[in-house]
Amino acid sequence: MAQRRWFSSTAATASLITALVTGAVTGARASTHHGTSGAAAAPTCHYTVRYDGSAVRENPDTDSVVRKYKQVGDGVTARWPCEIVVDTESGAAFAEVVCACASDDRGWMRKDQLRAS
């Protein structure tokens, strides 16, 4: 079986960050939260799950192990910068999400199953 490959270009990530900051992209929204001390925490990316049974996978590919399922309306977050990876075999785009269920605390969800929140 051929090994899957993913790509995440630094230039593409930089373009996405620029678009997010300028408001040109609505696929993810970054925000900075302030704690009780008033100091800014690290920015995060916020998404809302669009469909019941949306899979959180170990790796960004359609054949990867499913670690968890999310339901419509569930909120998920990712660390900054918001990382989107495309599975070159299937063409599916995956967004990184924080998930203790994954071995490296990084789960992956199909981007088309999420919306900015």
N, C-alpha and C. Protein backbone atom coordinates (compact mmCIF):
# COMPACT_ATOMS: atom_id res chain seq x y z
N MET A 1 0.85 -1.18 0.00
CA MET A 1 0.00 0.00 0.00
C MET A 1 0.89 1.24 0.00
N ALA A 2 0.57 2.18 -0.83
CA ALA A 2 1.34 3.42 -0.91
C ALA A 2 1.17 4.25 0.37
N GLN A 3 2.24 4.89 0.76
CA GLN A 3 2.19 5.73 1.96
C GLN A 3 1.52 7.05 1.63
N ARG A 4 0.63 7.49 2.52
CA ARG A 4 -0.06 8.76 2.32
C ARG A 4 0.89 9.91 2.56
N ARG A 5 0.65 10.99 1.88
CA ARG A 5 1.45 12.19 2.07
C ARG A 5 0.51 13.36 2.29
N TRP A 6 0.93 14.28 3.12
CA TRP A 6 0.16 15.48 3.40
C TRP A 6 1.04 16.66 3.09
N PHE A 7 0.44 17.78 2.82
CA PHE A 7 1.25 18.97 2.68
C PHE A 7 0.65 20.12 3.46
N SER A 8 1.52 20.91 3.99
CA SER A 8 1.15 22.12 4.71
C SER A 8 2.25 23.11 4.43
N SER A 9 2.02 23.96 3.50
CA SER A 9 3.04 24.90 3.05
C SER A 9 3.18 26.08 3.99
N THR A 10 4.42 26.45 4.28
CA THR A 10 4.67 27.63 5.10
C THR A 10 4.10 28.87 4.42
N ALA A 11 4.29 28.97 3.12
CA ALA A 11 3.76 30.12 2.39
C ALA A 11 2.24 30.14 2.44
N ALA A 12 1.63 28.96 2.28
CA ALA A 12 0.16 28.88 2.35
C ALA A 12 -0.33 29.25 3.74
N THR A 13 0.39 28.78 4.76
CA THR A 13 0.01 29.11 6.14
C THR A 13 0.14 30.60 6.37
N ALA A 14 1.22 31.20 5.88
CA ALA A 14 1.41 32.64 6.04
C ALA A 14 0.30 33.41 5.32
N SER A 15 -0.10 32.95 4.14
CA SER A 15 -1.19 33.60 3.41
C SER A 15 -2.50 33.48 4.17
N LEU A 16 -2.75 32.30 4.75
CA LEU A 16 -3.97 32.09 5.52
C LEU A 16 -3.98 33.02 6.74
N ILE A 17 -2.85 33.13 7.41
CA ILE A 17 -2.76 34.00 8.58
C ILE A 17 -3.04 35.44 8.18
N THR A 18 -2.44 35.88 7.09
CA THR A 18 -2.68 37.25 6.61
C THR A 18 -4.15 37.45 6.30
N ALA A 19 -4.76 36.47 5.63
CA ALA A 19 -6.18 36.58 5.29
C ALA A 19 -7.05 36.61 6.54
N LEU A 20 -6.70 35.79 7.53
CA LEU A 20 -7.47 35.78 8.77
C LEU A 20 -7.38 37.12 9.49
N VAL A 21 -6.18 37.66 9.54
CA VAL A 21 -5.98 38.93 10.24
C VAL A 21 -6.73 40.05 9.53
N THR A 22 -6.75 40.03 8.22
CA THR A 22 -7.44 41.08 7.47
C THR A 22 -8.93 40.80 7.31
N GLY A 23 -9.37 39.62 7.73
CA GLY A 23 -10.79 39.28 7.65
C GLY A 23 -11.21 38.77 6.29
N ALA A 24 -10.26 38.41 5.43
CA ALA A 24 -10.59 37.96 4.08
C ALA A 24 -11.06 36.51 4.05
N VAL A 25 -10.78 35.73 5.07
CA VAL A 25 -11.19 34.34 5.11
C VAL A 25 -12.10 34.14 6.31
N THR A 26 -13.19 33.40 6.13
CA THR A 26 -14.11 33.17 7.24
C THR A 26 -14.08 31.73 7.72
N GLY A 27 -13.15 30.91 7.22
CA GLY A 27 -13.08 29.51 7.60
C GLY A 27 -12.67 29.28 9.04
N ALA A 28 -11.96 30.21 9.62
CA ALA A 28 -11.55 30.10 11.02
C ALA A 28 -11.40 31.50 11.57
N ARG A 29 -11.67 31.64 12.84
CA ARG A 29 -11.52 32.97 13.43
C ARG A 29 -10.57 32.85 14.61
N ALA A 30 -9.55 33.67 14.59
CA ALA A 30 -8.60 33.67 15.69
C ALA A 30 -9.01 34.73 16.70
N SER A 31 -8.74 34.44 17.96
CA SER A 31 -9.03 35.42 18.99
C SER A 31 -8.02 35.27 20.11
N THR A 32 -7.91 36.31 20.90
CA THR A 32 -7.05 36.27 22.07
C THR A 32 -7.93 36.46 23.28
N HIS A 33 -7.80 35.57 24.25
CA HIS A 33 -8.60 35.66 25.46
C HIS A 33 -7.78 36.28 26.57
N HIS A 34 -8.42 37.07 27.40
CA HIS A 34 -7.75 37.69 28.53
C HIS A 34 -8.23 37.01 29.80
N GLY A 35 -7.28 36.58 30.62
CA GLY A 35 -7.61 35.95 31.89
C GLY A 35 -7.94 36.99 32.94
N THR A 36 -8.10 36.57 34.17
CA THR A 36 -8.45 37.49 35.25
C THR A 36 -7.32 38.47 35.53
N SER A 37 -6.10 38.11 35.16
CA SER A 37 -4.98 39.01 35.40
C SER A 37 -4.91 40.13 34.38
N GLY A 38 -5.69 40.03 33.30
CA GLY A 38 -5.68 41.04 32.25
C GLY A 38 -4.62 40.76 31.19
N ALA A 39 -3.75 39.79 31.40
CA ALA A 39 -2.72 39.47 30.42
C ALA A 39 -3.35 38.66 29.29
N ALA A 40 -2.90 38.91 28.07
CA ALA A 40 -3.43 38.19 26.92
C ALA A 40 -2.87 36.78 26.88
N ALA A 41 -3.74 35.81 26.65
CA ALA A 41 -3.32 34.42 26.48
C ALA A 41 -2.98 34.22 25.01
N ALA A 42 -2.44 33.06 24.70
CA ALA A 42 -2.11 32.75 23.31
C ALA A 42 -3.38 32.72 22.48
N PRO A 43 -3.34 33.24 21.26
CA PRO A 43 -4.53 33.21 20.40
C PRO A 43 -4.89 31.77 20.03
N THR A 44 -6.14 31.54 19.77
CA THR A 44 -6.62 30.21 19.38
C THR A 44 -7.56 30.34 18.19
N CYS A 45 -7.85 29.22 17.57
CA CYS A 45 -8.78 29.16 16.45
C CYS A 45 -10.04 28.47 16.94
N HIS A 46 -11.18 29.01 16.62
CA HIS A 46 -12.46 28.47 17.10
C HIS A 46 -13.31 28.00 15.93
N TYR A 47 -13.85 26.80 16.06
CA TYR A 47 -14.75 26.24 15.07
C TYR A 47 -15.98 25.67 15.77
N THR A 48 -17.08 25.56 15.04
CA THR A 48 -18.27 24.87 15.50
C THR A 48 -18.53 23.71 14.55
N VAL A 49 -18.85 22.56 15.11
CA VAL A 49 -19.10 21.35 14.32
C VAL A 49 -20.44 21.49 13.61
N ARG A 50 -20.46 21.17 12.32
CA ARG A 50 -21.65 21.34 11.50
C ARG A 50 -22.52 20.10 11.41
N TYR A 51 -21.97 18.91 11.64
CA TYR A 51 -22.72 17.67 11.43
C TYR A 51 -22.53 16.71 12.61
N ASP A 52 -23.60 15.98 12.96
CA ASP A 52 -23.49 14.94 13.99
C ASP A 52 -22.54 13.84 13.51
N GLY A 53 -21.78 13.31 14.44
CA GLY A 53 -20.90 12.20 14.12
C GLY A 53 -19.64 12.59 13.37
N SER A 54 -19.22 13.85 13.46
CA SER A 54 -17.99 14.29 12.78
C SER A 54 -16.79 13.70 13.50
N ALA A 55 -15.92 13.05 12.75
CA ALA A 55 -14.79 12.32 13.32
C ALA A 55 -13.62 13.23 13.65
N VAL A 56 -13.00 12.96 14.80
CA VAL A 56 -11.70 13.56 15.15
C VAL A 56 -10.70 12.43 14.93
N ARG A 57 -9.77 12.64 14.01
CA ARG A 57 -8.84 11.58 13.61
C ARG A 57 -7.44 11.82 14.18
N GLU A 58 -6.67 10.77 14.25
CA GLU A 58 -5.30 10.83 14.76
C GLU A 58 -4.39 11.61 13.81
N ASN A 59 -4.57 11.39 12.52
CA ASN A 59 -3.76 12.04 11.49
C ASN A 59 -4.67 12.67 10.44
N PRO A 60 -4.15 13.60 9.66
CA PRO A 60 -4.99 14.27 8.66
C PRO A 60 -5.17 13.48 7.37
N ASP A 61 -5.82 12.35 7.46
CA ASP A 61 -6.19 11.60 6.26
C ASP A 61 -7.45 10.80 6.54
N THR A 62 -8.16 10.46 5.49
CA THR A 62 -9.47 9.83 5.61
C THR A 62 -9.40 8.40 6.13
N ASP A 63 -8.24 7.76 6.07
CA ASP A 63 -8.09 6.39 6.56
C ASP A 63 -7.52 6.32 7.97
N SER A 64 -7.25 7.46 8.58
CA SER A 64 -6.65 7.49 9.91
C SER A 64 -7.63 7.02 10.98
N VAL A 65 -7.09 6.55 12.08
CA VAL A 65 -7.89 6.07 13.21
C VAL A 65 -8.77 7.19 13.75
N VAL A 66 -10.05 6.88 13.96
CA VAL A 66 -10.97 7.84 14.57
C VAL A 66 -10.81 7.74 16.07
N ARG A 67 -10.49 8.86 16.71
CA ARG A 67 -10.28 8.89 18.16
C ARG A 67 -11.53 9.32 18.93
N LYS A 68 -12.41 10.06 18.25
CA LYS A 68 -13.57 10.62 18.93
C LYS A 68 -14.56 11.11 17.88
N TYR A 69 -15.83 11.21 18.27
CA TYR A 69 -16.84 11.81 17.40
C TYR A 69 -17.40 13.04 18.08
N LYS A 70 -17.66 14.08 17.30
CA LYS A 70 -18.26 15.31 17.81
C LYS A 70 -19.65 15.46 17.22
N GLN A 71 -20.50 16.20 17.92
CA GLN A 71 -21.89 16.38 17.50
C GLN A 71 -22.12 17.82 17.02
N VAL A 72 -23.19 18.01 16.27
CA VAL A 72 -23.51 19.33 15.74
C VAL A 72 -23.58 20.34 16.89
N GLY A 73 -22.96 21.48 16.68
CA GLY A 73 -22.97 22.54 17.69
C GLY A 73 -21.81 22.48 18.67
N ASP A 74 -21.08 21.36 18.71
CA ASP A 74 -19.92 21.28 19.60
C ASP A 74 -18.87 22.29 19.16
N GLY A 75 -18.22 22.89 20.11
CA GLY A 75 -17.12 23.81 19.80
C GLY A 75 -15.79 23.08 19.89
N VAL A 76 -14.90 23.40 18.99
CA VAL A 76 -13.53 22.86 19.02
C VAL A 76 -12.57 24.02 18.81
N THR A 77 -11.37 23.87 19.34
CA THR A 77 -10.36 24.91 19.19
C THR A 77 -9.07 24.31 18.67
N ALA A 78 -8.21 25.17 18.20
CA ALA A 78 -6.87 24.76 17.75
C ALA A 78 -5.89 25.83 18.20
N ARG A 79 -4.66 25.43 18.31
CA ARG A 79 -3.61 26.38 18.67
C ARG A 79 -3.31 27.29 17.48
N TRP A 80 -2.81 28.46 17.75
CA TRP A 80 -2.40 29.41 16.72
C TRP A 80 -1.04 29.03 16.20
N PRO A 81 -0.74 29.07 14.94
CA PRO A 81 -1.66 29.46 13.87
C PRO A 81 -2.58 28.30 13.50
N CYS A 82 -3.73 28.64 12.97
CA CYS A 82 -4.71 27.64 12.56
C CYS A 82 -4.09 26.83 11.42
N GLU A 83 -3.94 25.53 11.64
CA GLU A 83 -3.28 24.71 10.62
C GLU A 83 -4.30 23.92 9.82
N ILE A 84 -4.21 24.04 8.51
CA ILE A 84 -5.03 23.28 7.58
C ILE A 84 -4.07 22.44 6.74
N VAL A 85 -4.36 21.14 6.67
CA VAL A 85 -3.52 20.21 5.92
C VAL A 85 -4.39 19.50 4.91
N VAL A 86 -3.87 19.32 3.70
CA VAL A 86 -4.62 18.63 2.65
C VAL A 86 -4.02 17.25 2.44
N ASP A 87 -4.88 16.24 2.50
CA ASP A 87 -4.49 14.86 2.21
C ASP A 87 -4.37 14.76 0.69
N THR A 88 -3.15 14.55 0.20
CA THR A 88 -2.93 14.58 -1.25
C THR A 88 -3.60 13.42 -1.98
N GLU A 89 -3.89 12.34 -1.28
CA GLU A 89 -4.54 11.20 -1.94
C GLU A 89 -6.03 11.47 -2.15
N SER A 90 -6.71 11.93 -1.10
CA SER A 90 -8.16 12.14 -1.20
C SER A 90 -8.53 13.58 -1.58
N GLY A 91 -7.61 14.52 -1.35
CA GLY A 91 -7.91 15.93 -1.61
C GLY A 91 -8.68 16.60 -0.48
N ALA A 92 -8.95 15.86 0.58
CA ALA A 92 -9.71 16.41 1.71
C ALA A 92 -8.83 17.33 2.55
N ALA A 93 -9.40 18.46 2.96
CA ALA A 93 -8.70 19.40 3.82
C ALA A 93 -9.06 19.09 5.27
N PHE A 94 -8.06 19.09 6.13
CA PHE A 94 -8.24 18.81 7.55
C PHE A 94 -7.76 19.98 8.38
N ALA A 95 -8.52 20.31 9.41
CA ALA A 95 -8.14 21.36 10.36
C ALA A 95 -7.63 20.69 11.63
N GLU A 96 -6.53 21.21 12.15
CA GLU A 96 -6.02 20.71 13.42
C GLU A 96 -6.94 21.18 14.54
N VAL A 97 -7.23 20.30 15.49
CA VAL A 97 -8.01 20.65 16.68
C VAL A 97 -7.32 20.08 17.91
N VAL A 98 -7.49 20.75 19.02
CA VAL A 98 -6.93 20.25 20.28
C VAL A 98 -7.78 19.08 20.75
N CYS A 99 -7.13 17.95 21.04
CA CYS A 99 -7.87 16.77 21.50
C CYS A 99 -6.93 15.90 22.32
N ALA A 100 -7.25 15.76 23.60
CA ALA A 100 -6.46 14.89 24.47
C ALA A 100 -6.56 13.43 24.03
N CYS A 101 -7.53 13.13 23.18
CA CYS A 101 -7.73 11.76 22.70
C CYS A 101 -6.64 11.32 21.74
N ALA A 102 -5.94 12.25 21.13
CA ALA A 102 -4.88 11.92 20.17
C ALA A 102 -3.54 11.77 20.90
N SER A 103 -2.66 10.99 20.34
CA SER A 103 -1.39 10.68 20.99
C SER A 103 -0.52 11.92 21.23
N ASP A 104 -0.66 12.93 20.37
CA ASP A 104 0.13 14.16 20.51
C ASP A 104 -0.73 15.37 20.86
N ASP A 105 -1.95 15.12 21.34
CA ASP A 105 -2.93 16.17 21.68
C ASP A 105 -3.38 16.98 20.47
N ARG A 106 -3.08 16.50 19.28
CA ARG A 106 -3.50 17.16 18.04
C ARG A 106 -4.40 16.20 17.28
N GLY A 107 -5.69 16.53 17.22
CA GLY A 107 -6.62 15.77 16.42
C GLY A 107 -6.83 16.49 15.10
N TRP A 108 -7.46 15.83 14.18
CA TRP A 108 -7.70 16.41 12.85
C TRP A 108 -9.14 16.16 12.45
N MET A 109 -9.82 17.22 12.01
CA MET A 109 -11.20 17.10 11.54
C MET A 109 -11.29 17.65 10.12
N ARG A 110 -12.18 17.04 9.34
CA ARG A 110 -12.38 17.54 7.96
C ARG A 110 -12.87 18.97 8.04
N LYS A 111 -12.26 19.83 7.27
CA LYS A 111 -12.57 21.25 7.28
C LYS A 111 -14.01 21.51 6.86
N ASP A 112 -14.56 20.70 5.95
CA ASP A 112 -15.93 20.91 5.48
C ASP A 112 -16.97 20.56 6.54
N GLN A 113 -16.54 19.97 7.66
CA GLN A 113 -17.46 19.64 8.74
C GLN A 113 -17.43 20.70 9.85
N LEU A 114 -16.69 21.77 9.62
CA LEU A 114 -16.53 22.83 10.62
C LEU A 114 -16.91 24.17 10.02
N ARG A 115 -17.31 25.10 10.90
CA ARG A 115 -17.50 26.49 10.47
C ARG A 115 -16.87 27.38 11.53
N ALA A 116 -16.49 28.57 11.12
CA ALA A 116 -15.89 29.52 12.07
C ALA A 116 -16.93 29.89 13.12
N SER A 117 -16.47 30.08 14.34
CA SER A 117 -17.40 30.49 15.39
C SER A 117 -16.82 31.64 16.19
